[in-house]
PDB file of all heavy atoms in Angstrom:
ATOM      1  N   ASP A   1      64.475  -3.049 -10.922  1.00  0.00           N
ATOM      2  CA  ASP A   1      65.431  -1.948 -10.959  1.00  0.00           C
ATOM      3  C   ASP A   1      66.442  -2.243 -12.060  1.00  0.00           C
ATOM      4  O   ASP A   1      67.053  -3.321 -12.095  1.00  0.00           O
ATOM      5  CB  ASP A   1      66.139  -1.838  -9.609  1.00  0.00           C
ATOM      6  CG  ASP A   1      67.059  -0.636  -9.550  1.00  0.00           C
ATOM      7  OD1 ASP A   1      66.549   0.481  -9.705  1.00  0.00           O
ATOM      8  OD2 ASP A   1      68.266  -0.821  -9.344  1.00  0.00           O
ATOM      9  N   VAL A   2      66.601  -1.305 -12.987  1.00  0.00           N
ATOM     10  CA  VAL A   2      67.517  -1.489 -14.109  1.00  0.00           C
ATOM     11  C   VAL A   2      68.731  -0.595 -13.921  1.00  0.00           C
ATOM     12  O   VAL A   2      68.600   0.606 -13.659  1.00  0.00           O
ATOM     13  CB  VAL A   2      66.825  -1.166 -15.454  1.00  0.00           C
ATOM     14  CG1 VAL A   2      67.828  -1.251 -16.599  1.00  0.00           C
ATOM     15  CG2 VAL A   2      65.660  -2.113 -15.694  1.00  0.00           C
ATOM     16  N   ALA A   3      69.912  -1.179 -14.070  1.00  0.00           N
ATOM     17  CA  ALA A   3      71.161  -0.423 -13.991  1.00  0.00           C
ATOM     18  C   ALA A   3      71.643  -0.139 -15.406  1.00  0.00           C
ATOM     19  O   ALA A   3      72.136  -1.032 -16.107  1.00  0.00           O
ATOM     20  CB  ALA A   3      72.216  -1.209 -13.219  1.00  0.00           C
ATOM     21  N   TYR A   4      71.446   1.097 -15.848  1.00  0.00           N
ATOM     22  CA  TYR A   4      71.885   1.515 -17.176  1.00  0.00           C
ATOM     23  C   TYR A   4      73.326   2.001 -17.109  1.00  0.00           C
ATOM     24  O   TYR A   4      73.724   2.668 -16.160  1.00  0.00           O
ATOM     25  CB  TYR A   4      71.020   2.661 -17.691  1.00  0.00           C
ATOM     26  CG  TYR A   4      69.616   2.298 -18.078  1.00  0.00           C
ATOM     27  CD1 TYR A   4      68.585   2.380 -17.152  1.00  0.00           C
ATOM     28  CD2 TYR A   4      69.313   1.898 -19.375  1.00  0.00           C
ATOM     29  CE1 TYR A   4      67.275   2.067 -17.512  1.00  0.00           C
ATOM     30  CE2 TYR A   4      68.019   1.579 -19.742  1.00  0.00           C
ATOM     31  CZ  TYR A   4      67.002   1.675 -18.806  1.00  0.00           C
ATOM     32  OH  TYR A   4      65.716   1.369 -19.159  1.00  0.00           O
ATOM     33  N   ALA A   5      74.076   1.702 -18.155  1.00  0.00           N
ATOM     34  CA  ALA A   5      75.428   2.244 -18.258  1.00  0.00           C
ATOM     35  C   ALA A   5      75.385   3.680 -18.745  1.00  0.00           C
ATOM     36  O   ALA A   5      74.451   4.099 -19.430  1.00  0.00           O
ATOM     37  CB  ALA A   5      76.257   1.402 -19.212  1.00  0.00           C
ATOM     38  N   LEU A   6      76.414   4.435 -18.380  1.00  0.00           N
ATOM     39  CA  LEU A   6      76.658   5.768 -18.915  1.00  0.00           C
ATOM     40  C   LEU A   6      77.992   5.705 -19.650  1.00  0.00           C
ATOM     41  O   LEU A   6      79.033   5.475 -19.034  1.00  0.00           O
ATOM     42  CB  LEU A   6      76.707   6.814 -17.797  1.00  0.00           C
ATOM     43  CG  LEU A   6      75.458   6.965 -16.936  1.00  0.00           C
ATOM     44  CD1 LEU A   6      75.710   7.973 -15.821  1.00  0.00           C
ATOM     45  CD2 LEU A   6      74.260   7.384 -17.779  1.00  0.00           C
ATOM     46  N   CYS A   7      77.946   5.876 -20.959  1.00  0.00           N
ATOM     47  CA  CYS A   7      79.175   5.778 -21.755  1.00  0.00           C
ATOM     48  C   CYS A   7      79.792   7.162 -21.863  1.00  0.00           C
ATOM     49  O   CYS A   7      79.544   7.905 -22.820  1.00  0.00           O
ATOM     50  CB  CYS A   7      78.869   5.200 -23.134  1.00  0.00           C
ATOM     51  SG  CYS A   7      80.357   4.808 -24.083  1.00  0.00           S
ATOM     52  N   ASP A   8      80.603   7.497 -20.878  1.00  0.00           N
ATOM     53  CA  ASP A   8      81.128   8.854 -20.741  1.00  0.00           C
ATOM     54  C   ASP A   8      82.576   9.010 -21.177  1.00  0.00           C
ATOM     55  O   ASP A   8      83.105  10.131 -21.160  1.00  0.00           O
ATOM     56  CB  ASP A   8      81.015   9.308 -19.281  1.00  0.00           C
ATOM     57  CG  ASP A   8      79.578   9.499 -18.831  1.00  0.00           C
ATOM     58  OD1 ASP A   8      78.680   9.477 -19.696  1.00  0.00           O
ATOM     59  OD2 ASP A   8      79.355   9.668 -17.616  1.00  0.00           O
ATOM     60  N   ASP A   9      83.236   7.921 -21.550  1.00  0.00           N
ATOM     61  CA  ASP A   9      84.659   8.031 -21.858  1.00  0.00           C
ATOM     62  C   ASP A   9      85.093   6.934 -22.825  1.00  0.00           C
ATOM     63  O   ASP A   9      84.350   5.994 -23.113  1.00  0.00           O
ATOM     64  CB  ASP A   9      85.505   7.974 -20.573  1.00  0.00           C
ATOM     65  CG  ASP A   9      85.155   6.779 -19.702  1.00  0.00           C
ATOM     66  OD1 ASP A   9      85.002   5.668 -20.242  1.00  0.00           O
ATOM     67  OD2 ASP A   9      85.033   6.958 -18.478  1.00  0.00           O
ATOM     68  N   ARG A  10      86.317   7.082 -23.340  1.00  0.00           N
ATOM     69  CA  ARG A  10      86.842   6.133 -24.316  1.00  0.00           C
ATOM     70  C   ARG A  10      86.918   4.729 -23.740  1.00  0.00           C
ATOM     71  O   ARG A  10      86.592   3.757 -24.430  1.00  0.00           O
ATOM     72  CB  ARG A  10      88.242   6.584 -24.749  1.00  0.00           C
ATOM     73  CG  ARG A  10      88.890   5.671 -25.770  1.00  0.00           C
ATOM     74  CD  ARG A  10      90.370   5.979 -25.951  1.00  0.00           C
ATOM     75  NE  ARG A  10      90.965   5.174 -27.006  1.00  0.00           N
ATOM     76  CZ  ARG A  10      92.250   4.852 -27.048  1.00  0.00           C
ATOM     77  NH1 ARG A  10      93.080   5.290 -26.092  1.00  0.00           N
ATOM     78  NH2 ARG A  10      92.721   4.119 -28.048  1.00  0.00           N
ATOM     79  N   ARG A  11      87.346   4.612 -22.488  1.00  0.00           N
ATOM     80  CA  ARG A  11      87.513   3.295 -21.872  1.00  0.00           C
ATOM     81  C   ARG A  11      86.202   2.517 -21.883  1.00  0.00           C
ATOM     82  O   ARG A  11      86.165   1.332 -22.236  1.00  0.00           O
ATOM     83  CB  ARG A  11      88.023   3.491 -20.443  1.00  0.00           C
ATOM     84  CG  ARG A  11      88.543   2.249 -19.760  1.00  0.00           C
ATOM     85  CD  ARG A  11      88.976   2.595 -18.347  1.00  0.00           C
ATOM     86  NE  ARG A  11      89.635   1.490 -17.692  1.00  0.00           N
ATOM     87  CZ  ARG A  11      89.940   1.477 -16.396  1.00  0.00           C
ATOM     88  NH1 ARG A  11      89.631   2.530 -15.629  1.00  0.00           N
ATOM     89  NH2 ARG A  11      90.544   0.436 -15.859  1.00  0.00           N
ATOM     90  N   THR A  12      85.114   3.184 -21.535  1.00  0.00           N
ATOM     91  CA  THR A  12      83.810   2.522 -21.511  1.00  0.00           C
ATOM     92  C   THR A  12      83.368   2.153 -22.924  1.00  0.00           C
ATOM     93  O   THR A  12      82.825   1.065 -23.162  1.00  0.00           O
ATOM     94  CB  THR A  12      82.758   3.432 -20.845  1.00  0.00           C
ATOM     95  OG1 THR A  12      83.197   3.742 -19.520  1.00  0.00           O
ATOM     96  CG2 THR A  12      81.403   2.750 -20.786  1.00  0.00           C
ATOM     97  N   LEU A  13      83.604   3.037 -23.882  1.00  0.00           N
ATOM     98  CA  LEU A  13      83.230   2.755 -25.262  1.00  0.00           C
ATOM     99  C   LEU A  13      83.987   1.542 -25.786  1.00  0.00           C
ATOM    100  O   LEU A  13      83.396   0.661 -26.444  1.00  0.00           O
ATOM    101  CB  LEU A  13      83.523   3.977 -26.137  1.00  0.00           C
ATOM    102  CG  LEU A  13      83.117   3.875 -27.606  1.00  0.00           C
ATOM    103  CD1 LEU A  13      81.613   3.744 -27.756  1.00  0.00           C
ATOM    104  CD2 LEU A  13      83.626   5.097 -28.379  1.00  0.00           C
ATOM    105  N   LEU A  14      85.276   1.456 -25.493  1.00  0.00           N
ATOM    106  CA  LEU A  14      86.063   0.299 -25.928  1.00  0.00           C
ATOM    107  C   LEU A  14      85.581  -0.974 -25.257  1.00  0.00           C
ATOM    108  O   LEU A  14      85.549  -2.042 -25.886  1.00  0.00           O
ATOM    109  CB  LEU A  14      87.545   0.539 -25.620  1.00  0.00           C
ATOM    110  CG  LEU A  14      88.253   1.575 -26.481  1.00  0.00           C
ATOM    111  CD1 LEU A  14      89.643   1.865 -25.926  1.00  0.00           C
ATOM    112  CD2 LEU A  14      88.346   1.100 -27.931  1.00  0.00           C
ATOM    113  N   TRP A  15      85.198  -0.877 -23.992  1.00  0.00           N
ATOM    114  CA  TRP A  15      84.680  -2.056 -23.294  1.00  0.00           C
ATOM    115  C   TRP A  15      83.399  -2.549 -23.967  1.00  0.00           C
ATOM    116  O   TRP A  15      83.227  -3.745 -24.205  1.00  0.00           O
ATOM    117  CB  TRP A  15      84.424  -1.733 -21.822  1.00  0.00           C
ATOM    118  CG  TRP A  15      83.883  -2.917 -21.073  1.00  0.00           C
ATOM    119  CD1 TRP A  15      84.594  -3.996 -20.604  1.00  0.00           C
ATOM    120  CD2 TRP A  15      82.521  -3.162 -20.727  1.00  0.00           C
ATOM    121  NE1 TRP A  15      83.752  -4.897 -19.982  1.00  0.00           N
ATOM    122  CE2 TRP A  15      82.481  -4.411 -20.048  1.00  0.00           C
ATOM    123  CE3 TRP A  15      81.341  -2.453 -20.910  1.00  0.00           C
ATOM    124  CZ2 TRP A  15      81.291  -4.959 -19.561  1.00  0.00           C
ATOM    125  CZ3 TRP A  15      80.157  -2.996 -20.438  1.00  0.00           C
ATOM    126  CH2 TRP A  15      80.131  -4.229 -19.767  1.00  0.00           C
ATOM    127  N   PHE A  16      82.514  -1.634 -24.320  1.00  0.00           N
ATOM    128  CA  PHE A  16      81.289  -2.020 -25.016  1.00  0.00           C
ATOM    129  C   PHE A  16      81.615  -2.655 -26.366  1.00  0.00           C
ATOM    130  O   PHE A  16      81.006  -3.657 -26.764  1.00  0.00           O
ATOM    131  CB  PHE A  16      80.371  -0.817 -25.209  1.00  0.00           C
ATOM    132  CG  PHE A  16      79.391  -0.615 -24.094  1.00  0.00           C
ATOM    133  CD1 PHE A  16      79.421   0.542 -23.337  1.00  0.00           C
ATOM    134  CD2 PHE A  16      78.439  -1.583 -23.796  1.00  0.00           C
ATOM    135  CE1 PHE A  16      78.517   0.734 -22.302  1.00  0.00           C
ATOM    136  CE2 PHE A  16      77.529  -1.405 -22.765  1.00  0.00           C
ATOM    137  CZ  PHE A  16      77.561  -0.241 -22.011  1.00  0.00           C
ATOM    138  N   ALA A  17      82.557  -2.084 -27.096  1.00  0.00           N
ATOM    139  CA  ALA A  17      82.927  -2.642 -28.392  1.00  0.00           C
ATOM    140  C   ALA A  17      83.435  -4.068 -28.229  1.00  0.00           C
ATOM    141  O   ALA A  17      83.101  -4.958 -29.021  1.00  0.00           O
ATOM    142  CB  ALA A  17      83.991  -1.768 -29.056  1.00  0.00           C
ATOM    143  N   ASN A  18      84.234  -4.305 -27.188  1.00  0.00           N
ATOM    144  CA  ASN A  18      84.740  -5.656 -26.957  1.00  0.00           C
ATOM    145  C   ASN A  18      83.636  -6.625 -26.550  1.00  0.00           C
ATOM    146  O   ASN A  18      83.760  -7.832 -26.737  1.00  0.00           O
ATOM    147  CB  ASN A  18      85.835  -5.642 -25.896  1.00  0.00           C
ATOM    148  CG  ASN A  18      86.603  -6.944 -25.852  1.00  0.00           C
ATOM    149  OD1 ASN A  18      87.206  -7.345 -26.852  1.00  0.00           O
ATOM    150  ND2 ASN A  18      86.575  -7.637 -24.715  1.00  0.00           N
ATOM    151  N   GLN A  19      82.550  -6.088 -25.999  1.00  0.00           N
ATOM    152  CA  GLN A  19      81.383  -6.905 -25.653  1.00  0.00           C
ATOM    153  C   GLN A  19      80.487  -7.159 -26.862  1.00  0.00           C
ATOM    154  O   GLN A  19      79.393  -7.686 -26.731  1.00  0.00           O
ATOM    155  CB  GLN A  19      80.564  -6.211 -24.561  1.00  0.00           C
ATOM    156  CG  GLN A  19      81.278  -6.033 -23.233  1.00  0.00           C
ATOM    157  CD  GLN A  19      81.632  -7.353 -22.609  1.00  0.00           C
ATOM    158  OE1 GLN A  19      80.776  -8.213 -22.441  1.00  0.00           O
ATOM    159  NE2 GLN A  19      82.902  -7.529 -22.271  1.00  0.00           N
ATOM    160  N   ARG A  20      80.954  -6.754 -28.036  1.00  0.00           N
ATOM    161  CA  ARG A  20      80.211  -6.905 -29.293  1.00  0.00           C
ATOM    162  C   ARG A  20      78.910  -6.106 -29.255  1.00  0.00           C
ATOM    163  O   ARG A  20      77.867  -6.555 -29.744  1.00  0.00           O
ATOM    164  CB  ARG A  20      79.955  -8.381 -29.607  1.00  0.00           C
ATOM    165  CG  ARG A  20      81.223  -9.210 -29.693  1.00  0.00           C
ATOM    166  CD  ARG A  20      80.932 -10.680 -29.903  1.00  0.00           C
ATOM    167  NE  ARG A  20      80.431 -10.926 -31.247  1.00  0.00           N
ATOM    168  CZ  ARG A  20      81.172 -11.364 -32.257  1.00  0.00           C
ATOM    169  NH1 ARG A  20      82.472 -11.565 -32.077  1.00  0.00           N
ATOM    170  NH2 ARG A  20      80.652 -11.577 -33.441  1.00  0.00           N
ATOM    171  N   ALA A  21      78.986  -4.922 -28.660  1.00  0.00           N
ATOM    172  CA  ALA A  21      77.870  -3.977 -28.707  1.00  0.00           C
ATOM    173  C   ALA A  21      77.990  -3.201 -30.010  1.00  0.00           C
ATOM    174  O   ALA A  21      78.917  -2.396 -30.180  1.00  0.00           O
ATOM    175  CB  ALA A  21      77.903  -3.047 -27.506  1.00  0.00           C
ATOM    176  N   VAL A  22      77.069  -3.450 -30.926  1.00  0.00           N
ATOM    177  CA  VAL A  22      77.139  -2.845 -32.251  1.00  0.00           C
ATOM    178  C   VAL A  22      76.366  -1.529 -32.295  1.00  0.00           C
ATOM    179  O   VAL A  22      76.850  -0.530 -32.821  1.00  0.00           O
ATOM    180  CB  VAL A  22      76.597  -3.818 -33.319  1.00  0.00           C
ATOM    181  CG1 VAL A  22      76.637  -3.176 -34.705  1.00  0.00           C
ATOM    182  CG2 VAL A  22      77.392  -5.124 -33.318  1.00  0.00           C
ATOM    183  N   GLU A  23      75.162  -1.506 -31.712  1.00  0.00           N
ATOM    184  CA  GLU A  23      74.311  -0.317 -31.780  1.00  0.00           C
ATOM    185  C   GLU A  23      74.233   0.376 -30.422  1.00  0.00           C
ATOM    186  O   GLU A  23      74.172  -0.290 -29.380  1.00  0.00           O
ATOM    187  CB  GLU A  23      72.895  -0.696 -32.237  1.00  0.00           C
ATOM    188  CG  GLU A  23      72.842  -1.325 -33.615  1.00  0.00           C
ATOM    189  CD  GLU A  23      71.408  -1.495 -34.118  1.00  0.00           C
ATOM    190  OE1 GLU A  23      70.464  -1.030 -33.440  1.00  0.00           O
ATOM    191  OE2 GLU A  23      71.239  -2.100 -35.187  1.00  0.00           O
ATOM    192  N   TYR A  24      74.132   1.726 -30.459  1.00  0.00           N
ATOM    193  CA  TYR A  24      74.145   2.551 -29.247  1.00  0.00           C
ATOM    194  C   TYR A  24      72.889   3.431 -29.229  1.00  0.00           C
ATOM    195  O   TYR A  24      72.719   4.296 -30.084  1.00  0.00           O
ATOM    196  CB  TYR A  24      75.426   3.378 -29.198  1.00  0.00           C
ATOM    197  CG  TYR A  24      76.637   2.468 -29.064  1.00  0.00           C
ATOM    198  CD1 TYR A  24      77.116   1.751 -30.164  1.00  0.00           C
ATOM    199  CD2 TYR A  24      77.234   2.262 -27.829  1.00  0.00           C
ATOM    200  CE1 TYR A  24      78.170   0.861 -30.035  1.00  0.00           C
ATOM    201  CE2 TYR A  24      78.303   1.381 -27.696  1.00  0.00           C
ATOM    202  CZ  TYR A  24      78.762   0.675 -28.802  1.00  0.00           C
ATOM    203  OH  TYR A  24      79.791  -0.217 -28.655  1.00  0.00           O
ATOM    204  N   HIS A  25      72.017   3.160 -28.251  1.00  0.00           N
ATOM    205  CA  HIS A  25      70.702   3.801 -28.171  1.00  0.00           C
ATOM    206  C   HIS A  25      70.564   4.547 -26.842  1.00  0.00           C
ATOM    207  O   HIS A  25      70.080   3.991 -25.854  1.00  0.00           O
ATOM    208  CB  HIS A  25      69.594   2.746 -28.271  1.00  0.00           C
ATOM    209  CG  HIS A  25      69.532   2.014 -29.571  1.00  0.00           C
ATOM    210  ND1 HIS A  25      68.493   2.173 -30.459  1.00  0.00           N
ATOM    211  CD2 HIS A  25      70.376   1.108 -30.139  1.00  0.00           C
ATOM    212  CE1 HIS A  25      68.698   1.400 -31.515  1.00  0.00           C
ATOM    213  NE2 HIS A  25      69.833   0.740 -31.347  1.00  0.00           N
ATOM    214  N   PRO A  26      70.987   5.806 -26.788  1.00  0.00           N
ATOM    215  CA  PRO A  26      70.816   6.592 -25.555  1.00  0.00           C
ATOM    216  C   PRO A  26      69.385   7.108 -25.438  1.00  0.00           C
ATOM    217  O   PRO A  26      68.646   7.185 -26.424  1.00  0.00           O
ATOM    218  CB  PRO A  26      71.797   7.751 -25.742  1.00  0.00           C
ATOM    219  CG  PRO A  26      71.835   7.950 -27.226  1.00  0.00           C
ATOM    220  CD  PRO A  26      71.694   6.572 -27.832  1.00  0.00           C
ATOM    221  N   THR A  27      68.997   7.470 -24.231  1.00  0.00           N
ATOM    222  CA  THR A  27      67.684   8.062 -24.008  1.00  0.00           C
ATOM    223  C   THR A  27      67.680   9.529 -24.434  1.00  0.00           C
ATOM    224  O   THR A  27      68.729  10.143 -24.612  1.00  0.00           O
ATOM    225  CB  THR A  27      67.289   7.980 -22.524  1.00  0.00           C
ATOM    226  OG1 THR A  27      68.260   8.705 -21.753  1.00  0.00           O
ATOM    227  CG2 THR A  27      67.224   6.554 -22.030  1.00  0.00           C
ATOM    228  N   LEU A  28      66.481  10.081 -24.541  1.00  0.00           N
ATOM    229  CA  LEU A  28      66.312  11.503 -24.844  1.00  0.00           C
ATOM    230  C   LEU A  28      66.243  12.334 -23.573  1.00  0.00           C
ATOM    231  O   LEU A  28      65.919  13.524 -23.617  1.00  0.00           O
ATOM    232  CB  LEU A  28      65.053  11.707 -25.687  1.00  0.00           C
ATOM    233  CG  LEU A  28      65.093  11.013 -27.056  1.00  0.00           C
ATOM    234  CD1 LEU A  28      63.743  11.112 -27.743  1.00  0.00           C
ATOM    235  CD2 LEU A  28      66.186  11.608 -27.928  1.00  0.00           C
ATOM    236  N   VAL A  29      66.533  11.705 -22.443  1.00  0.00           N
ATOM    237  CA  VAL A  29      66.628  12.411 -21.168  1.00  0.00           C
ATOM    238  C   VAL A  29      68.019  12.184 -20.601  1.00  0.00           C
ATOM    239  O   VAL A  29      68.702  11.226 -20.964  1.00  0.00           O
ATOM    240  CB  VAL A  29      65.560  11.921 -20.155  1.00  0.00           C
ATOM    241  CG1 VAL A  29      64.161  12.183 -20.671  1.00  0.00           C
ATOM    242  CG2 VAL A  29      65.740  10.427 -19.840  1.00  0.00           C
ATOM    243  N   ARG A  30      68.428  13.048 -19.705  1.00  0.00           N
ATOM    244  CA  ARG A  30      69.719  12.899 -19.042  1.00  0.00           C
ATOM    245  C   ARG A  30      69.546  12.135 -17.733  1.00  0.00           C
ATOM    246  O   ARG A  30      68.474  12.153 -17.126  1.00  0.00           O
ATOM    247  CB  ARG A  30      70.348  14.275 -18.776  1.00  0.00           C
ATOM    248  CG  ARG A  30      70.592  15.074 -20.048  1.00  0.00           C
ATOM    249  CD  ARG A  30      71.380  16.341 -19.746  1.00  0.00           C
ATOM    250  NE  ARG A  30      71.495  17.187 -20.916  1.00  0.00           N
ATOM    251  CZ  ARG A  30      72.372  17.007 -21.902  1.00  0.00           C
ATOM    252  NH1 ARG A  30      73.222  15.986 -21.826  1.00  0.00           N
ATOM    253  NH2 ARG A  30      72.414  17.815 -22.935  1.00  0.00           N
ATOM    254  N   ALA A  31      70.610  11.487 -17.315  1.00  0.00           N
ATOM    255  CA  ALA A  31      70.545  10.667 -16.102  1.00  0.00           C
ATOM    256  C   ALA A  31      70.217  11.484 -14.863  1.00  0.00           C
ATOM    257  O   ALA A  31      69.642  10.965 -13.912  1.00  0.00           O
ATOM    258  CB  ALA A  31      71.868   9.926 -15.906  1.00  0.00           C
ATOM    259  N   ASP A  32      70.569  12.767 -14.886  1.00  0.00           N
ATOM    260  CA  ASP A  32      70.330  13.613 -13.716  1.00  0.00           C
ATOM    261  C   ASP A  32      68.983  14.347 -13.791  1.00  0.00           C
ATOM    262  O   ASP A  32      68.684  15.177 -12.935  1.00  0.00           O
ATOM    263  CB  ASP A  32      71.463  14.611 -13.510  1.00  0.00           C
ATOM    264  CG  ASP A  32      71.676  15.512 -14.728  1.00  0.00           C
ATOM    265  OD1 ASP A  32      70.943  15.352 -15.735  1.00  0.00           O
ATOM    266  OD2 ASP A  32      72.569  16.372 -14.678  1.00  0.00           O
ATOM    267  N   ASP A  33      68.185  14.045 -14.830  1.00  0.00           N
ATOM    268  CA  ASP A  33      66.891  14.715 -14.960  1.00  0.00           C
ATOM    269  C   ASP A  33      65.971  13.857 -15.827  1.00  0.00           C
ATOM    270  O   ASP A  33      65.817  14.087 -17.022  1.00  0.00           O
ATOM    271  CB  ASP A  33      67.065  16.105 -15.588  1.00  0.00           C
ATOM    272  CG  ASP A  33      65.759  16.894 -15.624  1.00  0.00           C
ATOM    273  OD1 ASP A  33      64.731  16.387 -15.125  1.00  0.00           O
ATOM    274  OD2 ASP A  33      65.771  18.020 -16.163  1.00  0.00           O
ATOM    275  N   TRP A  34      65.357  12.874 -15.187  1.00  0.00           N
ATOM    276  CA  TRP A  34      64.507  11.926 -15.913  1.00  0.00           C
ATOM    277  C   TRP A  34      63.203  12.560 -16.404  1.00  0.00           C
ATOM    278  O   TRP A  34      62.540  12.019 -17.279  1.00  0.00           O
ATOM    279  CB  TRP A  34      64.167  10.738 -15.017  1.00  0.00           C
ATOM    280  CG  TRP A  34      65.312   9.818 -14.757  1.00  0.00           C
ATOM    281  CD1 TRP A  34      66.160   9.847 -13.696  1.00  0.00           C
ATOM    282  CD2 TRP A  34      65.752   8.730 -15.573  1.00  0.00           C
ATOM    283  NE1 TRP A  34      67.100   8.850 -13.790  1.00  0.00           N
ATOM    284  CE2 TRP A  34      66.861   8.144 -14.934  1.00  0.00           C
ATOM    285  CE3 TRP A  34      65.301   8.195 -16.781  1.00  0.00           C
ATOM    286  CZ2 TRP A  34      67.535   7.051 -15.464  1.00  0.00           C
ATOM    287  CZ3 TRP A  34      65.967   7.095 -17.314  1.00  0.00           C
ATOM    288  CH2 TRP A  34      67.074   6.536 -16.658  1.00  0.00           C
ATOM    289  N   ALA A  35      62.798  13.666 -15.841  1.00  0.00           N
ATOM    290  CA  ALA A  35      61.470  14.215 -16.121  1.00  0.00           C
ATOM    291  C   ALA A  35      61.436  15.121 -17.351  1.00  0.00           C
ATOM    292  O   ALA A  35      60.351  15.438 -17.836  1.00  0.00           O
ATOM    293  CB  ALA A  35      60.956  14.989 -14.904  1.00  0.00           C
ATOM    294  N   HIS A  36      62.604  15.531 -17.846  1.00  0.00           N
ATOM    295  CA  HIS A  36      62.631  16.507 -18.936  1.00  0.00           C
ATOM    296  C   HIS A  36      63.391  15.965 -20.150  1.00  0.00           C
ATOM    297  O   HIS A  36      64.476  15.399 -20.012  1.00  0.00           O
ATOM    298  CB  HIS A  36      63.263  17.817 -18.471  1.00  0.00           C
ATOM    299  CG  HIS A  36      62.461  18.516 -17.421  1.00  0.00           C
ATOM    300  ND1 HIS A  36      62.588  18.234 -16.076  1.00  0.00           N
ATOM    301  CD2 HIS A  36      61.509  19.473 -17.524  1.00  0.00           C
ATOM    302  CE1 HIS A  36      61.746  18.997 -15.393  1.00  0.00           C
ATOM    303  NE2 HIS A  36      61.086  19.759 -16.242  1.00  0.00           N
ATOM    304  N   THR A  37      62.824  16.158 -21.317  1.00  0.00           N
ATOM    305  CA  THR A  37      63.399  15.695 -22.571  1.00  0.00           C
ATOM    306  C   THR A  37      64.237  16.807 -23.206  1.00  0.00           C
ATOM    307  O   THR A  37      63.899  17.976 -23.103  1.00  0.00           O
ATOM    308  CB  THR A  37      62.270  15.268 -23.532  1.00  0.00           C
ATOM    309  OG1 THR A  37      61.458  14.294 -22.884  1.00  0.00           O
ATOM    310  CG2 THR A  37      62.816  14.673 -24.811  1.00  0.00           C
ATOM    311  N   THR A  38      65.320  16.421 -23.889  1.00  0.00           N
ATOM    312  CA  THR A  38      66.238  17.409 -24.458  1.00  0.00           C
ATOM    313  C   THR A  38      66.132  17.551 -25.971  1.00  0.00           C
ATOM    314  O   THR A  38      66.704  18.477 -26.533  1.00  0.00           O
ATOM    315  CB  THR A  38      67.693  17.049 -24.115  1.00  0.00           C
ATOM    316  OG1 THR A  38      67.998  15.759 -24.676  1.00  0.00           O
ATOM    317  CG2 THR A  38      67.908  17.018 -22.610  1.00  0.00           C
ATOM    318  N   HIS A  39      65.432  16.623 -26.635  1.00  0.00           N
ATOM    319  CA  HIS A  39      65.270  16.703 -28.085  1.00  0.00           C
ATOM    320  C   HIS A  39      63.872  16.235 -28.482  1.00  0.00           C
ATOM    321  O   HIS A  39      63.335  15.287 -27.899  1.00  0.00           O
ATOM    322  CB  HIS A  39      66.293  15.831 -28.822  1.00  0.00           C
ATOM    323  CG  HIS A  39      67.707  16.304 -28.688  1.00  0.00           C
ATOM    324  ND1 HIS A  39      68.469  16.048 -27.558  1.00  0.00           N
ATOM    325  CD2 HIS A  39      68.498  17.009 -29.532  1.00  0.00           C
ATOM    326  CE1 HIS A  39      69.668  16.583 -27.724  1.00  0.00           C
ATOM    327  NE2 HIS A  39      69.719  17.165 -28.910  1.00  0.00           N
ATOM    328  N   LEU A  40      63.328  16.908 -29.461  1.00  0.00           N
ATOM    329  CA  LEU A  40      62.115  16.464 -30.122  1.00  0.00           C
ATOM    330  C   LEU A  40      62.573  15.713 -31.372  1.00  0.00           C
ATOM    331  O   LEU A  40      63.397  16.224 -32.140  1.00  0.00           O
ATOM    332  CB  LEU A  40      61.270  17.685 -30.471  1.00  0.00           C
ATOM    333  CG  LEU A  40      59.890  17.544 -31.093  1.00  0.00           C
ATOM    334  CD1 LEU A  40      59.055  18.794 -30.784  1.00  0.00           C
ATOM    335  CD2 LEU A  40      59.968  17.343 -32.602  1.00  0.00           C
ATOM    336  N   VAL A  41      62.066  14.496 -31.578  1.00  0.00           N
ATOM    337  CA  VAL A  41      62.578  13.637 -32.649  1.00  0.00           C
ATOM    338  C   VAL A  41      61.449  13.146 -33.543  1.00  0.00           C
ATOM    339  O   VAL A  41      60.426  12.657 -33.053  1.00  0.00           O
ATOM    340  CB  VAL A  41      63.335  12.425 -32.071  1.00  0.00           C
ATOM    341  CG1 VAL A  41      63.780  11.480 -33.190  1.00  0.00           C
ATOM    342  CG2 VAL A  41      64.537  12.878 -31.260  1.00  0.00           C
ATOM    343  N   LEU A  42      61.651  13.270 -34.844  1.00  0.00           N
ATOM    344  CA  LEU A  42      60.764  12.669 -35.842  1.00  0.00           C
ATOM    345  C   LEU A  42      61.541  11.586 -36.573  1.00  0.00           C
ATOM    346  O   LEU A  42      62.634  11.842 -37.100  1.00  0.00           O
ATOM    347  CB  LEU A  42      60.262  13.707 -36.841  1.00  0.00           C
ATOM    348  CG  LEU A  42      59.140  14.664 -36.428  1.00  0.00           C
ATOM    349  CD1 LEU A  42      57.919  13.913 -35.908  1.00  0.00           C
ATOM    350  CD2 LEU A  42      59.613  15.690 -35.441  1.00  0.00           C
ATOM    351  N   ASP A  43      60.997  10.385 -36.574  1.00  0.00           N
ATOM    352  CA  ASP A  43      61.609   9.230 -37.225  1.00  0.00           C
ATOM    353  C   ASP A  43      60.835   8.960 -38.515  1.00  0.00           C
ATOM    354  O   ASP A  43      59.630   8.703 -38.478  1.00  0.00           O
ATOM    355  CB  ASP A  43      61.534   8.031 -36.280  1.00  0.00           C
ATOM    356  CG  ASP A  43      62.174   6.782 -36.845  1.00  0.00           C
ATOM    357  OD1 ASP A  43      62.748   6.842 -37.948  1.00  0.00           O
ATOM    358  OD2 ASP A  43      62.088   5.725 -36.187  1.00  0.00           O
ATOM    359  N   LEU A  44      61.505   9.044 -39.658  1.00  0.00           N
ATOM    360  CA  LEU A  44      60.846   8.886 -40.955  1.00  0.00           C
ATOM    361  C   LEU A  44      61.180   7.519 -41.540  1.00  0.00           C
ATOM    362  O   LEU A  44      62.340   7.220 -41.831  1.00  0.00           O
ATOM    363  CB  LEU A  44      61.297   9.987 -41.916  1.00  0.00           C
ATOM    364  CG  LEU A  44      61.189  11.433 -41.395  1.00  0.00           C
ATOM    365  CD1 LEU A  44      61.588  12.409 -42.481  1.00  0.00           C
ATOM    366  CD2 LEU A  44      59.790  11.729 -40.897  1.00  0.00           C
TER     367      LEU A  44
END
C-alpha cells in the first residue's frame, strides 16, 4: 500500500522544497477517480 502525497497548498509545497524535492511528477488521474485519465500526453 503506497501513501501518495497531495500537494494542494503552499504549506505542503514549501515542506516538499525543504525536503529537497526538486522534481514534481503528478499522475494523469485524480485521487478521487483512479479509473479515468484527464490528459492525453505525447513525450517527444
